[in-house]
């Protein structure tokens, strides 16, 4: 959400047409909805989230044909590396 806000501020428009977002973890429903509403062109994520992911795991909000915008989706990009980044982050927090 913060990245979308910052990009919109820098673009001077809430529509992020022509923008791509790269993230380590599959977005949840709230973030997937924000991605669609921001009109991002493409989403790339590494690790799937079988418990909360809404970009292919539990559902696919970003490509739902009932919505007015669909996002090109690339999943599993460097999935092992992304998973390790997340594991290390949470291990250090404990």
N, C-alpha and C. Protein backbone atom coordinates (compact mmCIF):
# COMPACT_ATOMS: atom_id res chain seq x y z
N UNK A 1 0.83 -1.18 0.00
CA UNK A 1 0.00 0.00 0.00
C UNK A 1 0.88 1.26 0.00
N UNK A 2 1.93 1.23 0.80
CA UNK A 2 2.83 2.38 0.85
C UNK A 2 3.51 2.61 -0.49
N UNK A 3 3.92 1.53 -1.13
CA UNK A 3 4.59 1.65 -2.44
C UNK A 3 3.63 2.22 -3.48
N UNK A 4 2.37 1.79 -3.45
CA UNK A 4 1.39 2.32 -4.39
C UNK A 4 1.15 3.81 -4.15
N UNK A 5 1.04 4.21 -2.90
CA UNK A 5 0.84 5.63 -2.58
C UNK A 5 2.02 6.48 -3.04
N UNK A 6 3.22 5.98 -2.74
CA UNK A 6 4.42 6.73 -3.13
C UNK A 6 4.51 6.85 -4.66
N UNK A 7 4.23 5.76 -5.36
CA UNK A 7 4.27 5.80 -6.83
C UNK A 7 3.23 6.78 -7.37
N UNK A 8 2.04 6.78 -6.79
CA UNK A 8 0.99 7.70 -7.23
C UNK A 8 1.39 9.15 -6.98
N UNK A 9 2.02 9.41 -5.83
CA UNK A 9 2.49 10.76 -5.52
C UNK A 9 3.53 11.21 -6.55
N UNK A 10 4.48 10.33 -6.85
CA UNK A 10 5.53 10.68 -7.81
C UNK A 10 4.99 10.82 -9.23
N UNK A 11 4.00 9.99 -9.57
CA UNK A 11 3.41 10.05 -10.91
C UNK A 11 2.46 11.24 -11.05
N UNK A 12 1.96 11.72 -9.91
CA UNK A 12 0.99 12.80 -9.95
C UNK A 12 -0.39 12.34 -10.39
N UNK A 13 -0.64 11.05 -10.25
CA UNK A 13 -1.93 10.48 -10.67
C UNK A 13 -2.12 9.17 -9.92
N UNK A 14 -3.36 8.87 -9.54
CA UNK A 14 -3.63 7.61 -8.84
C UNK A 14 -3.60 6.44 -9.81
N UNK A 15 -3.75 6.72 -11.10
CA UNK A 15 -3.68 5.65 -12.11
C UNK A 15 -2.22 5.37 -12.42
N UNK A 16 -1.81 4.17 -12.16
CA UNK A 16 -0.41 3.80 -12.39
C UNK A 16 -0.26 2.99 -13.67
N UNK A 17 -0.86 3.49 -14.73
CA UNK A 17 -0.75 2.84 -16.04
C UNK A 17 0.71 2.86 -16.47
N UNK A 18 1.19 1.73 -16.94
CA UNK A 18 2.58 1.63 -17.36
C UNK A 18 3.52 1.21 -16.24
N UNK A 19 3.00 1.00 -15.04
CA UNK A 19 3.82 0.62 -13.89
C UNK A 19 3.75 -0.88 -13.63
N UNK A 20 4.83 -1.41 -13.07
CA UNK A 20 4.89 -2.81 -12.65
C UNK A 20 5.28 -2.84 -11.17
N UNK A 21 4.78 -3.85 -10.46
CA UNK A 21 5.10 -4.01 -9.05
C UNK A 21 5.73 -5.38 -8.84
N UNK A 22 6.87 -5.42 -8.18
CA UNK A 22 7.58 -6.65 -7.86
C UNK A 22 7.58 -6.82 -6.35
N UNK A 23 7.09 -7.97 -5.86
CA UNK A 23 7.02 -8.22 -4.42
C UNK A 23 7.46 -9.65 -4.13
N UNK A 24 7.90 -9.87 -2.90
CA UNK A 24 8.38 -11.20 -2.51
C UNK A 24 7.23 -12.17 -2.29
N UNK A 25 6.12 -11.70 -1.72
CA UNK A 25 5.01 -12.58 -1.33
C UNK A 25 3.74 -12.22 -2.10
N UNK A 26 2.99 -13.24 -2.48
CA UNK A 26 1.72 -13.06 -3.17
C UNK A 26 0.81 -12.13 -2.36
N UNK A 27 0.27 -11.10 -2.97
CA UNK A 27 -0.57 -10.14 -2.25
C UNK A 27 -1.86 -10.76 -1.70
N UNK A 28 -2.31 -10.20 -0.59
CA UNK A 28 -3.58 -10.57 0.04
C UNK A 28 -4.72 -9.90 -0.72
N UNK A 29 -5.94 -10.12 -0.27
CA UNK A 29 -7.11 -9.54 -0.93
C UNK A 29 -7.08 -8.01 -0.94
N UNK A 30 -6.71 -7.41 0.19
CA UNK A 30 -6.69 -5.96 0.26
C UNK A 30 -5.67 -5.38 -0.71
N UNK A 31 -4.47 -5.93 -0.73
CA UNK A 31 -3.43 -5.42 -1.62
C UNK A 31 -3.74 -5.72 -3.08
N UNK A 32 -4.30 -6.89 -3.36
CA UNK A 32 -4.68 -7.23 -4.73
C UNK A 32 -5.74 -6.26 -5.24
N UNK A 33 -6.70 -5.92 -4.38
CA UNK A 33 -7.72 -4.96 -4.76
C UNK A 33 -7.12 -3.59 -5.04
N UNK A 34 -6.18 -3.17 -4.21
CA UNK A 34 -5.52 -1.88 -4.41
C UNK A 34 -4.73 -1.87 -5.71
N UNK A 35 -4.11 -2.99 -6.05
CA UNK A 35 -3.35 -3.10 -7.29
C UNK A 35 -4.28 -2.92 -8.50
N UNK A 36 -5.44 -3.55 -8.45
CA UNK A 36 -6.42 -3.41 -9.54
C UNK A 36 -6.90 -1.97 -9.62
N UNK A 37 -7.28 -1.39 -8.48
CA UNK A 37 -7.80 -0.03 -8.48
C UNK A 37 -6.75 0.99 -8.93
N UNK A 38 -5.48 0.71 -8.69
CA UNK A 38 -4.40 1.60 -9.12
C UNK A 38 -4.08 1.45 -10.61
N UNK A 39 -4.68 0.44 -11.24
CA UNK A 39 -4.51 0.18 -12.68
C UNK A 39 -3.08 -0.18 -13.06
N UNK A 40 -2.38 -0.89 -12.16
CA UNK A 40 -1.03 -1.35 -12.51
C UNK A 40 -1.09 -2.24 -13.74
N UNK A 41 -0.07 -2.19 -14.55
CA UNK A 41 -0.01 -3.05 -15.74
C UNK A 41 0.36 -4.48 -15.39
N UNK A 42 1.31 -4.62 -14.46
CA UNK A 42 1.86 -5.97 -14.21
C UNK A 42 2.23 -6.13 -12.75
N UNK A 43 2.02 -7.34 -12.25
CA UNK A 43 2.43 -7.75 -10.91
C UNK A 43 3.32 -8.97 -11.03
N UNK A 44 4.46 -8.93 -10.36
CA UNK A 44 5.38 -10.07 -10.31
C UNK A 44 5.62 -10.39 -8.85
N UNK A 45 5.39 -11.65 -8.46
CA UNK A 45 5.69 -12.03 -7.08
C UNK A 45 6.46 -13.33 -7.04
N UNK A 46 7.18 -13.52 -5.95
CA UNK A 46 8.00 -14.71 -5.78
C UNK A 46 7.25 -15.85 -5.12
N UNK A 47 7.08 -15.76 -3.82
CA UNK A 47 6.50 -16.85 -3.04
C UNK A 47 4.98 -16.79 -3.01
N UNK A 48 4.34 -17.92 -3.25
CA UNK A 48 2.89 -18.02 -3.12
C UNK A 48 2.51 -18.01 -1.64
N UNK A 49 1.29 -17.59 -1.37
CA UNK A 49 0.77 -17.57 0.00
C UNK A 49 -0.52 -18.37 0.04
N UNK A 50 -0.41 -19.68 0.33
CA UNK A 50 -1.60 -20.54 0.29
C UNK A 50 -2.65 -20.20 1.34
N UNK A 51 -2.30 -19.43 2.37
CA UNK A 51 -3.26 -19.08 3.42
C UNK A 51 -4.00 -17.78 3.14
N UNK A 52 -3.39 -16.85 2.42
CA UNK A 52 -4.03 -15.54 2.23
C UNK A 52 -3.85 -14.96 0.84
N UNK A 53 -3.13 -15.63 -0.03
CA UNK A 53 -2.84 -15.08 -1.36
C UNK A 53 -4.06 -15.01 -2.26
N UNK A 54 -4.27 -13.85 -2.84
CA UNK A 54 -5.43 -13.66 -3.73
C UNK A 54 -5.01 -13.29 -5.15
N UNK A 55 -3.87 -13.82 -5.56
CA UNK A 55 -3.39 -13.63 -6.93
C UNK A 55 -3.06 -14.99 -7.53
N UNK A 56 -3.88 -15.98 -7.19
CA UNK A 56 -3.71 -17.32 -7.73
C UNK A 56 -3.88 -18.43 -6.72
N UNK A 57 -3.58 -18.19 -5.45
CA UNK A 57 -3.68 -19.26 -4.45
C UNK A 57 -5.13 -19.51 -4.02
N UNK A 58 -5.73 -18.55 -3.35
CA UNK A 58 -7.12 -18.70 -2.88
C UNK A 58 -8.13 -18.17 -3.89
N UNK A 59 -7.71 -17.27 -4.69
CA UNK A 59 -8.52 -16.62 -5.70
C UNK A 59 -7.59 -15.81 -6.57
N UNK A 60 -8.15 -15.04 -7.49
CA UNK A 60 -7.31 -14.25 -8.37
C UNK A 60 -8.00 -12.92 -8.67
N UNK A 61 -7.93 -12.02 -7.72
CA UNK A 61 -8.58 -10.72 -7.86
C UNK A 61 -7.99 -9.92 -9.01
N UNK A 62 -6.67 -9.98 -9.19
CA UNK A 62 -6.02 -9.12 -10.18
C UNK A 62 -6.37 -9.48 -11.62
N UNK A 63 -6.94 -10.66 -11.83
CA UNK A 63 -7.33 -11.06 -13.19
C UNK A 63 -8.80 -11.45 -13.29
N UNK A 64 -9.59 -11.03 -12.34
CA UNK A 64 -11.01 -11.36 -12.34
C UNK A 64 -11.70 -10.65 -13.50
N UNK A 65 -12.33 -11.38 -14.41
CA UNK A 65 -12.94 -10.75 -15.58
C UNK A 65 -14.14 -9.87 -15.25
N UNK A 66 -14.67 -9.97 -14.04
CA UNK A 66 -15.80 -9.13 -13.65
C UNK A 66 -15.38 -7.71 -13.30
N UNK A 67 -14.09 -7.49 -13.09
CA UNK A 67 -13.60 -6.16 -12.73
C UNK A 67 -13.25 -5.37 -13.98
N UNK A 68 -13.13 -4.06 -13.83
CA UNK A 68 -12.89 -3.19 -14.97
C UNK A 68 -11.43 -3.13 -15.40
N UNK A 69 -10.53 -3.75 -14.65
CA UNK A 69 -9.11 -3.75 -15.02
C UNK A 69 -8.51 -5.09 -14.62
N UNK A 70 -7.69 -5.63 -15.47
CA UNK A 70 -6.96 -6.86 -15.16
C UNK A 70 -5.47 -6.60 -15.27
N UNK A 71 -4.72 -7.25 -14.41
CA UNK A 71 -3.29 -7.04 -14.29
C UNK A 71 -2.56 -8.25 -14.86
N UNK A 72 -1.55 -8.01 -15.67
CA UNK A 72 -0.70 -9.12 -16.12
C UNK A 72 0.00 -9.68 -14.88
N UNK A 73 0.06 -10.98 -14.77
CA UNK A 73 0.55 -11.63 -13.56
C UNK A 73 1.66 -12.61 -13.88
N UNK A 74 2.77 -12.49 -13.15
CA UNK A 74 3.86 -13.46 -13.21
C UNK A 74 4.10 -13.92 -11.78
N UNK A 75 3.92 -15.22 -11.55
CA UNK A 75 4.09 -15.74 -10.19
C UNK A 75 5.25 -16.72 -10.15
N UNK A 76 5.80 -16.90 -8.96
CA UNK A 76 6.88 -17.85 -8.76
C UNK A 76 8.25 -17.37 -9.19
N UNK A 77 8.39 -16.09 -9.48
CA UNK A 77 9.68 -15.53 -9.88
C UNK A 77 10.65 -15.59 -8.70
N UNK A 78 11.70 -16.37 -8.84
CA UNK A 78 12.69 -16.55 -7.76
C UNK A 78 12.00 -16.94 -6.45
N UNK A 79 11.08 -17.88 -6.54
CA UNK A 79 10.26 -18.27 -5.39
C UNK A 79 11.09 -18.75 -4.21
N UNK A 80 12.10 -19.57 -4.44
CA UNK A 80 12.91 -20.07 -3.33
C UNK A 80 13.65 -18.94 -2.63
N UNK A 81 14.21 -18.04 -3.42
CA UNK A 81 14.94 -16.91 -2.85
C UNK A 81 14.00 -15.98 -2.08
N UNK A 82 12.82 -15.73 -2.65
CA UNK A 82 11.84 -14.87 -1.97
C UNK A 82 11.39 -15.49 -0.66
N UNK A 83 11.15 -16.80 -0.68
CA UNK A 83 10.76 -17.50 0.55
C UNK A 83 11.83 -17.41 1.62
N UNK A 84 13.08 -17.51 1.21
CA UNK A 84 14.19 -17.42 2.17
C UNK A 84 14.29 -16.01 2.76
N UNK A 85 14.09 -15.00 1.94
CA UNK A 85 14.09 -13.62 2.44
C UNK A 85 13.02 -13.45 3.51
N UNK A 86 11.83 -13.97 3.25
CA UNK A 86 10.74 -13.87 4.22
C UNK A 86 11.03 -14.66 5.49
N UNK A 87 11.55 -15.88 5.35
CA UNK A 87 11.89 -16.69 6.54
C UNK A 87 12.93 -15.99 7.39
N UNK A 88 13.96 -15.43 6.74
CA UNK A 88 15.02 -14.75 7.48
C UNK A 88 14.46 -13.52 8.20
N UNK A 89 13.61 -12.77 7.53
CA UNK A 89 13.00 -11.57 8.13
C UNK A 89 12.24 -11.93 9.40
N UNK A 90 11.38 -12.95 9.34
CA UNK A 90 10.58 -13.31 10.50
C UNK A 90 11.39 -14.03 11.58
N UNK A 91 12.42 -14.75 11.19
CA UNK A 91 13.31 -15.38 12.16
C UNK A 91 14.01 -14.30 12.99
N UNK A 92 14.46 -13.22 12.35
CA UNK A 92 15.12 -12.13 13.05
C UNK A 92 14.18 -11.35 13.95
N UNK A 93 12.89 -11.37 13.66
CA UNK A 93 11.91 -10.66 14.48
C UNK A 93 11.56 -11.41 15.75
N UNK A 94 11.81 -12.71 15.78
CA UNK A 94 11.43 -13.54 16.93
C UNK A 94 12.44 -13.47 18.03
